Structure formats: structure tokens, C-alpha cells
Amino acid sequence: MPYIGGQVARGGQLGLLGNKDYMDTPYSQTSYTEKTIRDQQATSVAEVLTNSDPSVRAAIGSSNRYDALTIRGFRIENSEIALNGLYGLVPAYRVNPAPIERIELLKGPAAFLNGMAPQGSIGGTVNVVTKRAAEDLTRLTAGYISDGRFGTELDLARRYGEQKEWGVRFNGGIDGGNTSIDRQSVRNGVGSLGVDYHANASAGPPTSSPRMTG
């Protein structure tokens, strides 16, 4: 459940401890929701965190093709962002937030909870939770960053079966064009497909939350 406003969730994944409410967690954790991403019109996970949390700073300029953060002053490489609790699965340069349901930021050492980060960072961890088909959805978004850079995104979710036990969610997007720097252009693309099966029909279809698996 999110707090009032819908931009921050009450809990998230804590590795070894499972899913916990914020008030039951002896750690400093913040979970930013999909609404935060859409409200900020963010182009990367790093952009959401640097815009939202005072303990997070960008270690590299946004015009670079690579993201790196500092959490509480300690550098966190892009490769140390976890996907649904597992390291080594996100893009090496920049993580597009279009397929992301939650961005979970844990500040402080977390090797006990999540295992050692690939490059041994101690400032904190970032875990991104991918979207799932909680209900039928069709959302087409068009946007622009400047008068020479445009983009579009498609978010499509459907549930199938007699009891809606199968879920499929597709996210895709592309943007590109000229930047504010003379003779420089940029092009980004993203595509993801999430499929889940919910066997317990009496409990209803799953919601898009850190409890999802698939």
C-alpha cells in the first residue's frame, strides 16, 4: 500500500527478511512507485533517485550514456542495481524506468540482506521491481524533452484464462533527437515482457507489487 499521494510505498523487499512494512524495518528504506516515475517523466532509474532522495547524488552527468550514483557519499555503479532482488540482470549503462513498478532504495550496508554487491559497494542498494498485469490496461504516452527530441511509450497489460490466472504485460518505448549541445544527438529504446501465472484463483489476480514473481 502506498502513502497518501501514491508516490511512496509503505514497504518493500528486504532480501533475506522478505517483504516488510516500513514501520517493521530496522533499516532506512524508501520505495518509490510507478506514479513517481510517471509524475517526474523520468528517463532513467538514476534520475528518479537523484530527484527524490537527498542522500543520492549523480556521479556522472546526465548527458553521459552511463549512470552511476553515490548513496551517502559512496559510489554505486549501474551494474550494482538489482532486478527483482538479483544482481547482474539490468543493462550495463542505463536502466530505463518504463518497465519498472517500484524502485527500492536501501541506505547503508546490506550484504546480510541481499548478498555482496558485484563491486562491493557499501553505501546502499537499489532494487527495481518489474511490472505485472494486475488488471487490463492500455496506456500510450507521448512526450518531448526539447523542440528536437521526442518519444513515445506503450504500456499494455492483459489477463487470460477462465479465472484470469495468466497475466501478460508489455512495455516498450523509444525516444531520440537532438540535445541542447551542438551536433549531439541521442536515441534510447526499451522493451520488456512480463508473464505470470496465478494458480490460486480464489485469491484473485496478483497486484503489481514487490510480492510478484514471474
Protein backbone atom coordinates (compact mmCIF):
# COMPACT_ATOMS: atom_id res chain seq x y z
CA MET A 1 0.00 0.00 0.00
CA PRO A 2 1.33 3.46 -0.88
CA TYR A 3 1.23 6.50 1.35
CA ILE A 4 -1.23 9.31 0.58
CA GLY A 5 -0.32 10.70 -2.83
CA GLY A 6 0.73 7.31 -4.18
CA GLN A 7 4.37 8.16 -4.84
CA VAL A 8 5.99 6.24 -1.96
CA ALA A 9 5.06 2.70 -0.88
CA ARG A 10 4.80 1.60 2.74
CA GLY A 11 7.26 -1.27 2.33
CA GLY A 12 9.37 -3.33 0.00
CA GLN A 13 11.72 -6.27 -0.41
CA LEU A 14 14.40 -6.76 2.20
CA GLY A 15 16.20 -9.75 0.75
CA LEU A 16 16.64 -12.33 3.49
CA LEU A 17 13.81 -10.82 5.54
CA GLY A 18 11.28 -10.89 2.69
CA ASN A 19 8.64 -8.20 2.17
CA LYS A 20 8.36 -5.82 5.10
CA ASP A 21 6.35 -2.75 6.04
CA TYR A 22 8.44 0.37 6.53
CA MET A 23 7.47 0.58 10.21
CA ASP A 24 8.64 -3.01 10.80
CA THR A 25 12.03 -2.48 9.16
CA PRO A 26 15.19 -1.78 11.21
CA TYR A 27 16.79 -0.19 8.11
CA SER A 28 16.47 3.03 6.18
CA GLN A 29 14.45 2.10 3.11
CA THR A 30 12.30 4.04 0.65
CA SER A 31 10.21 2.51 -2.15
CA TYR A 32 9.25 4.83 -5.00
CA THR A 33 6.22 3.79 -7.05
CA GLU A 34 5.35 3.85 -10.73
CA LYS A 35 3.40 7.05 -10.07
CA THR A 36 6.63 8.79 -9.05
CA ILE A 37 8.25 7.73 -12.31
CA ARG A 38 5.33 8.99 -14.40
CA ASP A 39 4.92 12.23 -12.45
CA GLN A 40 8.61 13.06 -12.89
CA GLN A 41 8.64 11.94 -16.55
CA ALA A 42 11.97 10.33 -15.69
CA THR A 43 14.22 8.81 -18.34
CA SER A 44 16.27 6.58 -16.01
CA VAL A 45 16.18 4.96 -12.58
CA ALA A 46 19.11 7.13 -11.53
CA GLU A 47 17.14 10.27 -12.44
CA VAL A 48 14.25 9.22 -10.18
CA LEU A 49 16.56 8.65 -7.22
CA THR A 50 18.60 11.84 -7.61
CA ASN A 51 15.39 13.87 -7.93
CA SER A 52 13.68 12.21 -4.96
CA ASP A 53 16.19 11.37 -2.23
CA PRO A 54 18.66 13.84 -0.65
CA SER A 55 21.15 11.05 0.15
CA VAL A 56 21.55 10.16 -3.54
CA ARG A 57 23.71 12.13 -5.95
CA ALA A 58 24.69 11.57 -9.58
CA ALA A 59 28.34 10.60 -10.01
CA ILE A 60 28.22 11.22 -13.78
CA GLY A 61 26.49 13.94 -15.80
CA SER A 62 23.09 13.15 -17.29
CA SER A 63 24.41 13.74 -20.84
CA ASN A 64 26.60 10.64 -20.47
CA ARG A 65 25.31 7.28 -21.69
CA TYR A 66 26.18 5.68 -18.36
CA ASP A 67 24.58 6.08 -14.92
CA ALA A 68 26.42 5.95 -11.60
CA LEU A 69 25.23 7.12 -8.18
CA THR A 70 26.55 7.97 -4.79
CA ILE A 71 24.50 6.94 -1.76
CA ARG A 72 25.59 8.64 1.44
CA GLY A 73 28.78 9.61 -0.38
CA PHE A 74 29.72 6.09 -1.52
CA ARG A 75 29.66 5.29 -5.23
CA ILE A 76 27.18 2.74 -6.58
CA GLU A 77 27.79 1.52 -10.12
CA ASN A 78 24.92 0.89 -12.52
CA SER A 79 25.77 -2.83 -12.52
CA GLU A 80 25.00 -2.92 -8.78
CA ILE A 81 21.30 -2.24 -9.31
CA ALA A 82 19.31 -5.43 -8.63
CA LEU A 83 16.38 -6.64 -10.72
CA ASN A 84 13.68 -8.27 -8.56
CA GLY A 85 16.35 -8.95 -5.94
CA LEU A 86 19.03 -10.36 -8.26
CA TYR A 87 22.20 -8.62 -9.42
CA GLY A 88 23.62 -8.74 -12.93
CA LEU A 89 20.35 -8.55 -14.89
CA VAL A 90 19.95 -4.83 -15.66
CA PRO A 91 21.53 -3.01 -18.62
CA ALA A 92 25.17 -2.10 -18.10
CA TYR A 93 24.80 1.59 -18.96
CA ARG A 94 21.36 3.00 -18.12
CA VAL A 95 18.16 1.49 -16.71
CA ASN A 96 15.05 2.81 -18.43
CA PRO A 97 12.18 3.06 -15.91
CA ALA A 98 9.35 2.21 -18.34
CA PRO A 99 9.04 -1.47 -17.23
CA ILE A 100 9.54 -0.63 -13.52
CA GLU A 101 6.79 -0.79 -10.89
CA ARG A 102 8.92 0.04 -7.83
CA ILE A 103 12.38 1.49 -7.18
CA GLU A 104 13.52 0.38 -3.74
CA LEU A 105 16.37 2.30 -2.14
CA LEU A 106 18.08 0.84 0.93
CA LYS A 107 20.65 3.14 2.56
CA GLY A 108 23.61 1.62 4.38
CA PRO A 109 25.46 -1.72 4.19
CA ALA A 110 23.14 -4.52 3.06
CA ALA A 111 25.31 -7.58 2.32
CA PHE A 112 23.48 -9.52 5.06
CA LEU A 113 20.14 -8.96 3.33
CA ASN A 114 20.96 -9.12 -0.36
CA GLY A 115 24.42 -10.65 -0.60
CA MET A 116 27.60 -8.87 -1.64
CA ALA A 117 27.12 -6.32 -4.42
CA PRO A 118 29.11 -7.14 -7.60
CA GLN A 119 31.65 -4.37 -6.93
CA GLY A 120 31.40 -4.33 -3.14
CA SER A 121 29.55 -1.05 -2.66
CA ILE A 122 28.68 -0.19 0.95
CA GLY A 123 26.63 2.99 0.59
CA GLY A 124 23.41 1.14 -0.07
CA THR A 125 21.50 -0.90 -2.62
CA VAL A 126 18.93 -0.22 -5.32
CA ASN A 127 16.38 -2.86 -6.32
CA VAL A 128 13.91 -2.40 -9.18
CA VAL A 129 10.68 -4.42 -9.33
CA THR A 130 9.21 -5.06 -12.76
CA LYS A 131 5.57 -4.52 -13.69
CA ARG A 132 2.97 -7.29 -13.84
CA ALA A 133 -0.57 -7.43 -15.20
CA ALA A 134 -2.77 -6.70 -12.19
CA GLU A 135 -5.65 -5.71 -14.49
CA ASP A 136 -6.29 -4.93 -18.15
CA LEU A 137 -4.53 -1.74 -19.17
CA THR A 138 -3.71 0.13 -22.37
CA ARG A 139 -1.67 3.30 -21.95
CA LEU A 140 0.05 5.21 -24.75
CA THR A 141 2.23 8.14 -23.71
CA ALA A 142 3.86 10.72 -25.97
CA GLY A 143 6.44 13.17 -24.71
CA TYR A 144 9.15 15.62 -25.58
CA ILE A 145 12.27 16.87 -23.81
CA SER A 146 13.14 19.72 -26.16
CA ASP A 147 11.97 21.05 -29.51
CA GLY A 148 14.24 18.46 -31.17
CA ARG A 149 13.74 15.37 -29.01
CA PHE A 150 10.53 13.35 -28.90
CA GLY A 151 9.41 9.93 -27.75
CA THR A 152 6.54 7.56 -27.09
CA GLU A 153 5.81 4.65 -24.72
CA LEU A 154 3.26 1.82 -24.75
CA ASP A 155 2.12 0.01 -21.57
CA LEU A 156 -0.17 -2.93 -22.34
CA ALA A 157 -1.48 -5.45 -19.77
CA ARG A 158 -3.96 -8.32 -20.14
CA ARG A 159 -5.11 -11.27 -18.05
CA TYR A 160 -6.26 -14.51 -19.71
CA GLY A 161 -7.87 -17.80 -18.73
CA GLU A 162 -11.16 -18.84 -17.18
CA GLN A 163 -10.14 -17.36 -13.83
CA LYS A 164 -7.67 -14.78 -15.18
CA GLU A 165 -4.78 -16.94 -13.99
CA TRP A 166 -2.40 -15.90 -16.80
CA GLY A 167 -1.05 -12.36 -16.97
CA VAL A 168 0.94 -10.66 -19.72
CA ARG A 169 2.35 -7.14 -19.57
CA PHE A 170 4.33 -5.48 -22.35
CA ASN A 171 6.24 -2.22 -22.06
CA GLY A 172 8.01 -0.59 -24.95
CA GLY A 173 9.25 2.84 -25.83
CA ILE A 174 11.61 4.88 -27.93
CA ASP A 175 12.81 8.46 -27.90
CA GLY A 176 15.51 10.41 -29.63
CA GLY A 177 16.61 13.57 -31.32
CA ASN A 178 18.96 16.49 -30.89
CA THR A 179 20.20 17.60 -27.48
CA SER A 180 20.99 21.09 -26.21
CA ILE A 181 24.65 20.52 -27.12
CA ASP A 182 25.52 21.44 -30.70
CA ARG A 183 25.97 18.47 -33.10
CA GLN A 184 24.98 15.94 -30.46
CA SER A 185 22.03 13.57 -30.68
CA VAL A 186 20.61 10.79 -28.53
CA ARG A 187 18.44 7.72 -29.08
CA ASN A 188 17.01 5.41 -26.43
CA GLY A 189 14.81 2.34 -26.67
CA VAL A 190 13.30 -0.11 -24.21
CA GLY A 191 11.25 -3.29 -24.43
CA SER A 192 10.09 -5.78 -21.80
CA LEU A 193 7.59 -8.61 -21.50
CA GLY A 194 6.38 -9.87 -18.11
CA VAL A 195 4.39 -13.13 -17.88
CA ASP A 196 2.94 -14.57 -14.66
CA TYR A 197 0.70 -17.47 -13.62
CA HIS A 198 -1.50 -17.19 -10.55
CA ALA A 199 -2.64 -20.69 -9.56
CA ASN A 200 -4.75 -19.73 -6.52
CA ALA A 201 -7.83 -18.48 -8.32
CA SER A 202 -9.78 -17.90 -5.10
CA ALA A 203 -7.29 -15.21 -4.07
CA GLY A 204 -7.87 -13.22 -7.26
CA PRO A 205 -5.26 -11.93 -9.72
CA PRO A 206 -1.97 -10.63 -8.33
CA THR A 207 -1.32 -6.94 -7.85
CA SER A 208 1.68 -5.05 -9.16
CA SER A 209 3.80 -5.07 -6.05
CA PRO A 210 7.13 -6.40 -4.75
CA ARG A 211 5.32 -9.63 -3.90
CA MET A 212 5.04 -10.51 -7.57
CA THR A 213 7.05 -13.32 -9.10
CA GLY A 214 7.14 -14.47 -12.64
